[in-house]
Amino acid sequence: MKLLIASKNAGKCSEIRDALAGPGLDLVSLAEVPGLPAPREDETSYEENALGKARHYHALSKLPTLADDSGLEVEVLGGRPGVRSARFAGERSSYAEKNGALLRLLEGIPDERRRARFVCAVAYVDAGARSYIARGTCDGRVAESIRGTYGFGYDPIFIPDGFDETFGELGEKVKRQISHRARALSKSRDFFRHEMPARSPTGDTIVPRCKVVGVDPHTSSGEIVAEAAAALLSGELIAYPTDTLYGLGSNAADTESAQRLVQAKGRPPEKPISVIVDCAERARSLAKNLNGVSERLMEAFWPGPLTVVVEASECVPPILSAGTGTIGVRVPSAPLARAISERADVPITATSANRSGERPGMNAAEIVASLGESLSLVLDCGTLRASPGSTVVAVTGGVLRILRQGVISEQEIRNVFG
């Protein structure tokens, strides 16, 4: 029987071939069946993603198909990056970059708090309407640095229980005996060997739900900062307190995340979305041709409730500037918001945490009622006092314009310029 492995990853295909090799089974990879478009993998569990992928490629190739979905779940990060492991820190980022981003999130976290597990679900679909799903897991912890050159993905930072070396150091022979994929494939091998009837998905399915965590907006460290940053790098939406309102946060460096925010908020596409950053240096990276007047405003009022509209650089997703070619940016005075941006190493969207047309959510209950289905995390610092929001200014041709009056008065701004 010819069986299609729904992957082009050479290391993964080799591992699957090694686990399932046997008489009568001819395994081919997507690299050997060119021209098949990839499906979207946007389900909320490994099982759903694997089964959806298997069905997709079976429908296109007419071959019995085996697909998998896997991820790394870090306990202190609320199980992230999880099902979004392949898209963590940006879909186009390399695994060296993903590993580096994850290690930065865990800086200062002691060894006993770095518990993690690899999870893999494999799914089989054929023309006889038979399907089978199996799950395998491998428990361990995250190392403090990238170690080893074997394997792929997150292997160089994962230390399985019972060992002191990472998968990147242990090599393929050991990995193929104990890994999450090896354990799921072992169950799949039994299915093929005994031609078991159709089965339903087994194991605990992880379905993200909105998590509400009490926070102090004046803190700038701790595990909650790492968890919030991990959520952003996983493409999730969060609600977080700033120095004026609760913000609806997404990774503002990632177009897909920004699109998810626009859809969740129901925001008209012609309305730009401003961002917050941790420091003026990051703000400058978002601006093109920053003028001296804007620099003086930033120096005078940051950190604080002043949003400066600047000409957007090429790194700003167009959906945020909404065709204006500009982006509003500020450094908030709330240490927690700045710390999340610094830990994630990205700007964060700062639109108010409510659906368009509704009043801003002033506490966690209001935010969950409005946006709960779209959020993965709400950082709750209690009910905020009503605020006009940040003052928004723009400088064009050396002329200062106040686009929205907020916490900082026009007179305070004019005073800066004598």
Protein backbone atom coordinates (compact mmCIF):
# COMPACT_ATOMS: atom_id res chain seq x y z
CA MET A 1 0.00 0.00 0.00
CA LYS A 2 1.28 3.45 -0.91
CA LEU A 3 0.95 5.84 2.04
CA LEU A 4 1.42 9.60 1.76
CA ILE A 5 3.26 11.31 4.61
CA ALA A 6 1.81 14.83 4.72
CA SER A 7 5.12 16.62 5.30
CA LYS A 8 8.15 17.93 3.43
CA ASN A 9 10.27 18.03 6.60
CA ALA A 10 13.08 15.58 5.88
CA GLY A 11 13.79 14.85 9.55
CA LYS A 12 10.14 14.23 10.36
CA CYS A 13 9.63 11.99 7.29
CA SER A 14 12.71 9.99 8.18
CA GLU A 15 11.39 9.47 11.71
CA ILE A 16 8.00 8.32 10.40
CA ARG A 17 9.58 5.96 7.86
CA ASP A 18 11.77 4.47 10.56
CA ALA A 19 8.78 3.89 12.86
CA LEU A 20 6.38 2.45 10.28
CA ALA A 21 8.74 0.58 7.95
CA GLY A 22 7.45 -2.84 7.07
CA PRO A 23 6.55 -5.13 4.17
CA GLY A 24 3.74 -3.95 1.92
CA LEU A 25 3.97 -0.29 2.98
CA ASP A 26 5.39 2.19 0.46
CA LEU A 27 5.86 5.56 2.19
CA VAL A 28 6.09 8.73 0.08
CA SER A 29 6.41 12.32 1.26
CA LEU A 30 4.93 15.56 -0.10
CA ALA A 31 8.31 16.25 -1.66
CA GLU A 32 7.66 13.24 -3.92
CA VAL A 33 4.10 14.36 -4.79
CA PRO A 34 4.64 17.97 -5.90
CA GLY A 35 1.98 20.55 -6.63
CA LEU A 36 -0.33 19.96 -3.67
CA PRO A 37 -1.28 23.26 -1.95
CA ALA A 38 -0.99 23.39 1.82
CA PRO A 39 -4.07 23.70 4.04
CA ARG A 40 -4.56 26.28 6.76
CA GLU A 41 -3.72 24.88 10.18
CA ASP A 42 -5.88 27.05 12.40
CA GLU A 43 -7.67 24.55 14.61
CA THR A 44 -7.37 24.63 18.38
CA SER A 45 -6.00 21.14 19.00
CA TYR A 46 -3.27 18.91 17.61
CA GLU A 47 -5.82 16.22 16.76
CA GLU A 48 -8.02 18.58 14.74
CA ASN A 49 -5.03 19.99 12.86
CA ALA A 50 -3.62 16.54 12.07
CA LEU A 51 -6.97 15.16 10.94
CA GLY A 52 -7.74 18.23 8.85
CA LYS A 53 -4.34 17.98 7.16
CA ALA A 54 -4.78 14.25 6.47
CA ARG A 55 -8.22 14.80 4.94
CA HIS A 56 -6.95 17.70 2.83
CA TYR A 57 -4.05 15.81 1.28
CA HIS A 58 -6.05 12.61 0.88
CA ALA A 59 -8.71 14.52 -1.09
CA LEU A 60 -6.03 15.99 -3.39
CA SER A 61 -3.81 12.92 -3.84
CA LYS A 62 -6.40 10.12 -3.52
CA LEU A 63 -3.75 8.29 -1.48
CA PRO A 64 -4.14 6.98 2.06
CA THR A 65 -2.57 9.79 4.09
CA LEU A 66 -0.80 10.09 7.42
CA ALA A 67 -0.43 13.58 8.90
CA ASP A 68 0.78 14.88 12.20
CA ASP A 69 0.67 18.03 14.27
CA SER A 70 2.97 18.66 17.17
CA GLY A 71 4.05 21.37 19.55
CA LEU A 72 5.98 22.29 22.64
CA GLU A 73 3.96 23.23 25.72
CA VAL A 74 5.80 25.19 28.41
CA GLU A 75 3.99 25.02 31.74
CA VAL A 76 4.94 28.47 33.04
CA LEU A 77 3.79 30.02 29.74
CA GLY A 78 0.31 28.57 30.08
CA GLY A 79 1.04 25.70 27.68
CA ARG A 80 2.39 27.95 24.94
CA PRO A 81 3.50 27.93 22.23
CA GLY A 82 1.44 24.70 21.96
CA VAL A 83 -0.57 24.24 18.77
CA ARG A 84 0.99 27.43 17.39
CA SER A 85 4.56 26.20 17.84
CA ALA A 86 5.30 26.33 14.11
CA ARG A 87 4.04 29.91 13.92
CA PHE A 88 5.51 31.10 17.22
CA ALA A 89 7.49 34.38 16.93
CA GLY A 90 6.20 34.79 13.36
CA GLU A 91 5.40 32.20 10.71
CA ARG A 92 8.46 33.15 8.65
CA SER A 93 10.93 33.06 11.53
CA SER A 94 13.56 30.32 11.61
CA TYR A 95 13.66 27.77 14.41
CA ALA A 96 16.86 29.37 15.63
CA GLU A 97 14.83 32.57 16.04
CA LYS A 98 11.89 30.74 17.64
CA ASN A 99 14.19 28.99 20.10
CA GLY A 100 15.91 32.27 20.91
CA ALA A 101 12.57 34.02 21.49
CA LEU A 102 11.37 31.24 23.78
CA LEU A 103 14.57 31.29 25.82
CA ARG A 104 14.27 35.06 26.25
CA LEU A 105 10.77 34.59 27.65
CA LEU A 106 12.17 32.18 30.23
CA GLU A 107 15.09 34.34 31.33
CA GLY A 108 15.27 34.33 35.12
CA ILE A 109 12.87 31.38 35.45
CA PRO A 110 14.52 28.72 37.67
CA ASP A 111 15.11 25.19 36.42
CA GLU A 112 12.30 23.66 38.47
CA ARG A 113 9.81 26.07 36.86
CA ARG A 114 10.86 25.28 33.27
CA ARG A 115 8.73 22.14 32.95
CA ALA A 116 7.54 21.41 29.42
CA ARG A 117 6.31 18.63 27.21
CA PHE A 118 6.28 17.81 23.53
CA VAL A 119 2.90 16.67 22.18
CA CYS A 120 2.22 14.96 18.86
CA ALA A 121 -1.02 13.78 17.27
CA VAL A 122 -0.91 11.63 14.14
CA ALA A 123 -3.97 11.08 11.96
CA TYR A 124 -4.67 8.60 9.17
CA VAL A 125 -7.39 8.88 6.50
CA ASP A 126 -8.15 6.61 3.54
CA ALA A 127 -10.77 6.14 0.82
CA GLY A 128 -12.66 3.60 2.89
CA ALA A 129 -13.70 6.39 5.26
CA ARG A 130 -11.46 4.92 7.93
CA SER A 131 -9.64 7.33 10.19
CA TYR A 132 -7.39 6.90 13.16
CA ILE A 133 -5.80 9.36 15.56
CA ALA A 134 -3.14 8.67 18.16
CA ARG A 135 -1.39 11.00 20.61
CA GLY A 136 2.06 10.79 22.13
CA THR A 137 3.78 12.99 24.68
CA CYS A 138 7.29 13.44 26.04
CA ASP A 139 7.80 15.28 29.33
CA GLY A 140 10.88 17.26 30.22
CA ARG A 141 12.11 20.80 30.72
CA VAL A 142 13.47 23.71 28.70
CA ALA A 143 17.23 24.19 28.76
CA GLU A 144 18.80 27.57 29.49
CA SER A 145 20.52 27.76 26.11
CA ILE A 146 20.49 26.21 22.65
CA ARG A 147 22.50 22.99 22.80
CA GLY A 148 23.30 20.43 20.12
CA THR A 149 22.88 20.13 16.37
CA TYR A 150 20.80 16.98 15.99
CA GLY A 151 17.10 16.94 15.21
CA PHE A 152 15.00 19.92 14.20
CA GLY A 153 12.50 22.42 15.59
CA TYR A 154 12.74 22.88 19.34
CA ASP A 155 14.98 19.82 19.85
CA PRO A 156 18.08 21.88 20.84
CA ILE A 157 16.32 23.44 23.87
CA PHE A 158 14.29 20.47 25.18
CA ILE A 159 15.73 18.10 27.82
CA PRO A 160 13.59 14.94 28.16
CA ASP A 161 13.04 13.48 31.62
CA GLY A 162 15.76 11.02 32.62
CA PHE A 163 18.47 12.84 30.68
CA ASP A 164 20.73 15.85 31.13
CA GLU A 165 21.17 16.42 27.39
CA THR A 166 18.78 18.06 24.94
CA PHE A 167 17.31 16.17 21.99
CA GLY A 168 19.77 18.20 19.95
CA GLU A 169 22.62 16.52 21.85
CA LEU A 170 21.18 13.03 22.30
CA GLY A 171 20.89 12.30 18.59
CA GLU A 172 18.32 10.55 16.46
CA LYS A 173 18.74 7.05 17.87
CA VAL A 174 17.65 8.03 21.38
CA LYS A 175 15.03 10.50 20.18
CA ARG A 176 13.31 7.90 17.99
CA GLN A 177 12.85 5.69 21.02
CA ILE A 178 11.34 8.18 23.46
CA SER A 179 10.01 11.22 21.59
CA HIS A 180 6.39 12.35 21.46
CA ARG A 181 6.24 11.47 17.77
CA ALA A 182 7.79 8.06 18.37
CA ARG A 183 5.12 7.26 20.96
CA ALA A 184 2.26 8.40 18.72
CA LEU A 185 3.72 6.46 15.78
CA SER A 186 4.05 3.36 17.91
CA LYS A 187 0.28 3.38 18.40
CA SER A 188 -0.18 4.03 14.68
CA ARG A 189 2.03 1.06 13.84
CA ASP A 190 -0.31 -1.17 15.82
CA PHE A 191 -3.25 0.23 13.83
CA PHE A 192 -1.66 -0.61 10.50
CA ARG A 193 -0.50 -4.00 11.70
CA HIS A 194 -3.91 -5.10 12.91
CA GLU A 195 -6.07 -3.05 10.51
CA MET A 196 -8.08 -1.63 13.37
CA PRO A 197 -11.51 -0.12 12.59
CA ALA A 198 -12.18 3.57 12.60
CA ARG A 199 -11.57 5.29 15.88
CA SER A 200 -12.42 8.61 17.36
CA PRO A 201 -9.73 11.02 18.61
CA THR A 202 -8.32 10.00 21.96
CA GLY A 203 -6.46 11.85 24.66
CA ASP A 204 -7.04 15.21 26.20
CA THR A 205 -7.75 17.88 23.62
CA ILE A 206 -6.36 21.25 24.50
CA VAL A 207 -8.85 24.00 23.68
CA PRO A 208 -7.60 27.41 24.67
CA ARG A 209 -9.99 29.40 26.83
CA CYS A 210 -9.83 32.97 28.02
CA LYS A 211 -7.69 33.02 31.14
CA VAL A 212 -8.04 35.91 33.62
CA VAL A 213 -5.04 36.64 35.84
CA GLY A 214 -4.84 39.31 38.54
CA VAL A 215 -1.84 41.63 38.03
CA ASP A 216 -0.18 44.73 39.39
CA PRO A 217 0.27 47.16 36.47
CA HIS A 218 3.29 48.62 38.23
CA THR A 219 5.26 45.36 38.08
CA SER A 220 7.81 44.76 35.35
CA SER A 221 8.94 41.19 36.03
CA GLY A 222 7.60 37.76 36.83
CA GLU A 223 6.08 34.78 35.11
CA ILE A 224 2.96 36.63 33.98
CA VAL A 225 5.12 38.92 31.82
CA ALA A 226 6.64 35.85 30.17
CA GLU A 227 3.22 34.23 29.67
CA ALA A 228 1.72 37.36 28.12
CA ALA A 229 4.71 37.76 25.81
CA ALA A 230 4.44 34.10 24.80
CA ALA A 231 0.75 34.58 23.99
CA LEU A 232 1.59 37.48 21.68
CA LEU A 233 4.36 35.56 19.93
CA SER A 234 1.93 32.66 19.49
CA GLY A 235 -0.41 34.93 17.53
CA GLU A 236 -2.97 35.20 20.33
CA LEU A 237 -4.89 38.25 21.53
CA ILE A 238 -4.61 39.55 25.10
CA ALA A 239 -6.17 42.36 27.12
CA TYR A 240 -3.75 44.30 29.31
CA PRO A 241 -3.81 47.47 31.44
CA THR A 242 -2.01 50.59 30.27
CA ASP A 243 -1.73 53.97 31.99
CA THR A 244 -5.08 55.06 30.51
CA LEU A 245 -7.31 52.11 29.48
CA TYR A 246 -7.24 48.35 28.97
CA GLY A 247 -5.59 47.68 25.63
CA LEU A 248 -6.40 44.91 23.15
CA GLY A 249 -2.99 43.47 22.41
CA SER A 250 -1.63 41.57 19.46
CA ASN A 251 1.85 41.21 17.99
CA ALA A 252 1.99 44.40 15.93
CA ALA A 253 4.92 43.08 13.91
CA ASP A 254 2.83 40.21 12.53
CA THR A 255 0.19 40.82 9.85
CA GLU A 256 -1.81 37.69 10.67
CA SER A 257 -2.06 38.69 14.34
CA ALA A 258 -3.18 42.19 13.38
CA GLN A 259 -5.84 40.77 11.06
CA ARG A 260 -7.10 38.60 13.91
CA LEU A 261 -7.42 41.69 16.09
CA VAL A 262 -9.32 43.66 13.42
CA GLN A 263 -11.74 40.77 12.97
CA ALA A 264 -12.26 40.29 16.73
CA LYS A 265 -12.84 43.99 17.34
CA GLY A 266 -14.95 44.49 14.23
CA ARG A 267 -12.88 47.58 13.51
CA PRO A 268 -13.54 49.39 10.20
CA PRO A 269 -10.60 48.79 7.84
CA GLU A 270 -10.12 52.52 7.21
CA LYS A 271 -9.32 53.21 10.89
CA PRO A 272 -5.60 52.93 11.84
CA ILE A 273 -4.51 51.10 14.99
CA SER A 274 -1.86 52.56 17.29
CA VAL A 275 0.81 50.61 19.17
CA ILE A 276 2.78 50.77 22.40
CA VAL A 277 6.46 49.94 22.75
CA ASP A 278 8.88 49.58 25.61
CA CYS A 279 11.31 52.32 24.64
CA ALA A 280 11.92 55.21 22.25
CA GLU A 281 14.49 53.18 20.33
CA ARG A 282 11.84 50.64 19.31
CA ALA A 283 9.51 53.49 18.38
CA ARG A 284 12.17 54.88 16.06
CA SER A 285 12.37 51.50 14.29
CA LEU A 286 8.69 51.89 13.36
CA ALA A 287 9.15 55.40 11.97
CA LYS A 288 10.53 56.67 8.69
CA ASN A 289 12.01 60.17 8.54
CA LEU A 290 11.32 60.98 12.19
CA ASN A 291 11.47 64.77 12.64
CA GLY A 292 12.96 66.85 15.42
CA VAL A 293 9.62 68.05 16.77
CA SER A 294 8.43 64.48 17.26
CA GLU A 295 11.72 63.64 18.97
CA ARG A 296 11.22 66.54 21.42
CA LEU A 297 7.67 65.39 22.19
CA MET A 298 8.87 61.85 22.83
CA GLU A 299 11.61 63.08 25.14
CA ALA A 300 9.24 65.37 27.05
CA PHE A 301 6.24 63.06 27.56
CA TRP A 302 7.47 59.44 27.39
CA PRO A 303 6.84 57.25 29.24
CA GLY A 304 3.32 58.65 29.35
CA PRO A 305 -0.08 59.07 27.69
CA LEU A 306 1.04 60.77 24.45
CA THR A 307 0.65 58.99 21.12
CA VAL A 308 2.84 60.42 18.37
CA VAL A 309 1.74 59.71 14.80
CA VAL A 310 4.77 59.10 12.57
CA GLU A 311 5.40 58.04 9.00
CA ALA A 312 5.38 54.23 9.12
CA SER A 313 8.46 52.27 8.16
CA GLU A 314 8.32 49.19 5.94
CA CYS A 315 8.20 46.86 8.96
CA VAL A 316 4.74 48.10 10.00
CA PRO A 317 1.93 45.82 8.68
CA PRO A 318 -0.22 47.90 6.28
CA ILE A 319 -3.40 46.79 8.07
CA LEU A 320 -2.32 48.87 11.10
CA SER A 321 -1.80 52.07 9.11
CA ALA A 322 -5.06 51.49 7.17
CA GLY A 323 -3.74 53.07 4.00
CA THR A 324 -2.55 56.29 5.71
CA GLY A 325 1.14 55.42 5.63
CA THR A 326 1.37 56.44 9.29
CA ILE A 327 1.37 54.71 12.68
CA GLY A 328 0.58 56.06 16.14
CA VAL A 329 3.12 54.98 18.75
CA ARG A 330 3.81 55.66 22.42
CA VAL A 331 5.74 54.40 25.42
CA PRO A 332 3.21 54.00 28.27
CA SER A 333 4.05 54.83 31.86
CA ALA A 334 2.64 51.47 33.03
CA PRO A 335 5.70 49.25 33.71
CA LEU A 336 3.76 46.02 33.03
CA ALA A 337 2.82 47.02 29.48
CA ARG A 338 6.39 48.10 28.70
CA ALA A 339 7.78 44.88 30.17
CA ILE A 340 5.57 42.71 27.95
CA SER A 341 6.73 44.57 24.84
CA GLU A 342 10.35 44.25 25.92
CA ARG A 343 10.03 40.53 26.75
CA ALA A 344 8.25 39.72 23.48
CA ASP A 345 10.66 42.01 21.61
CA VAL A 346 7.78 43.40 19.49
CA PRO A 347 5.44 46.40 19.45
CA ILE A 348 1.93 45.70 20.81
CA THR A 349 -1.36 47.01 19.46
CA ALA A 350 -2.96 49.46 21.87
CA THR A 351 -6.54 49.91 20.68
CA SER A 352 -9.08 49.83 23.52
CA ALA A 353 -10.33 46.41 24.68
CA ASN A 354 -13.88 46.47 23.32
CA ARG A 355 -15.74 45.80 20.10
CA SER A 356 -16.05 48.78 17.77
CA GLY A 357 -19.04 50.89 18.70
CA GLU A 358 -19.02 49.78 22.33
CA ARG A 359 -17.57 51.75 25.23
CA PRO A 360 -14.10 50.65 26.39
CA GLY A 361 -14.02 47.73 28.83
CA MET A 362 -13.04 49.10 32.22
CA ASN A 363 -12.59 45.77 34.02
CA ALA A 364 -12.02 42.10 33.26
CA ALA A 365 -15.71 41.17 33.41
CA GLU A 366 -16.66 43.76 30.78
CA ILE A 367 -13.76 42.75 28.54
CA VAL A 368 -14.58 39.04 28.73
CA ALA A 369 -18.25 39.75 28.00
CA SER A 370 -17.29 41.71 24.88
CA LEU A 371 -14.25 39.85 23.55
CA GLY A 372 -13.86 36.67 25.60
CA GLU A 373 -14.22 34.26 22.66
CA SER A 374 -11.32 35.97 20.87
CA LEU A 375 -8.95 36.37 23.84
CA SER A 376 -6.56 33.89 25.37
CA LEU A 377 -5.46 36.02 28.32
CA VAL A 378 -6.82 38.97 30.32
CA LEU A 379 -4.46 40.74 32.73
CA ASP A 380 -6.81 42.04 35.40
CA CYS A 381 -5.79 44.98 37.60
CA GLY A 382 -9.34 45.77 38.71
CA THR A 383 -11.71 48.47 37.49
CA LEU A 384 -9.93 51.42 35.93
CA ARG A 385 -11.10 54.99 36.39
CA ALA A 386 -12.69 56.58 33.33
CA SER A 387 -10.01 58.16 31.18
CA PRO A 388 -10.05 60.18 27.96
CA GLY A 389 -7.18 58.05 26.71
CA SER A 390 -3.86 59.23 25.41
CA THR A 391 -3.50 62.53 23.61
CA VAL A 392 -2.74 61.96 19.92
CA VAL A 393 -0.50 64.36 17.99
CA ALA A 394 1.06 64.49 14.54
CA VAL A 395 3.82 66.65 13.14
CA THR A 396 3.89 67.31 9.39
CA GLY A 397 6.01 69.92 7.70
CA GLY A 398 7.13 71.15 11.10
CA VAL A 399 3.52 71.90 12.09
CA LEU A 400 2.13 70.30 15.23
CA ARG A 401 -1.48 69.09 15.09
CA ILE A 402 -3.48 67.67 17.98
CA LEU A 403 -5.65 64.90 16.53
CA ARG A 404 -7.29 63.90 19.81
CA GLN A 405 -7.36 65.65 23.14
CA GLY A 406 -6.58 63.21 25.94
CA VAL A 407 -4.87 63.10 29.31
CA ILE A 408 -2.17 65.58 28.30
CA SER A 409 -3.56 69.04 27.57
CA GLU A 410 -2.79 71.17 24.52
CA GLN A 411 -1.22 73.79 26.77
CA GLU A 412 1.18 71.24 28.26
CA ILE A 413 2.26 70.28 24.76
CA ARG A 414 2.62 73.90 23.63
CA ASN A 415 4.72 74.65 26.70
CA VAL A 416 7.38 72.24 25.41
CA PHE A 417 7.97 74.58 22.49
CA GLY A 418 8.02 77.76 24.50
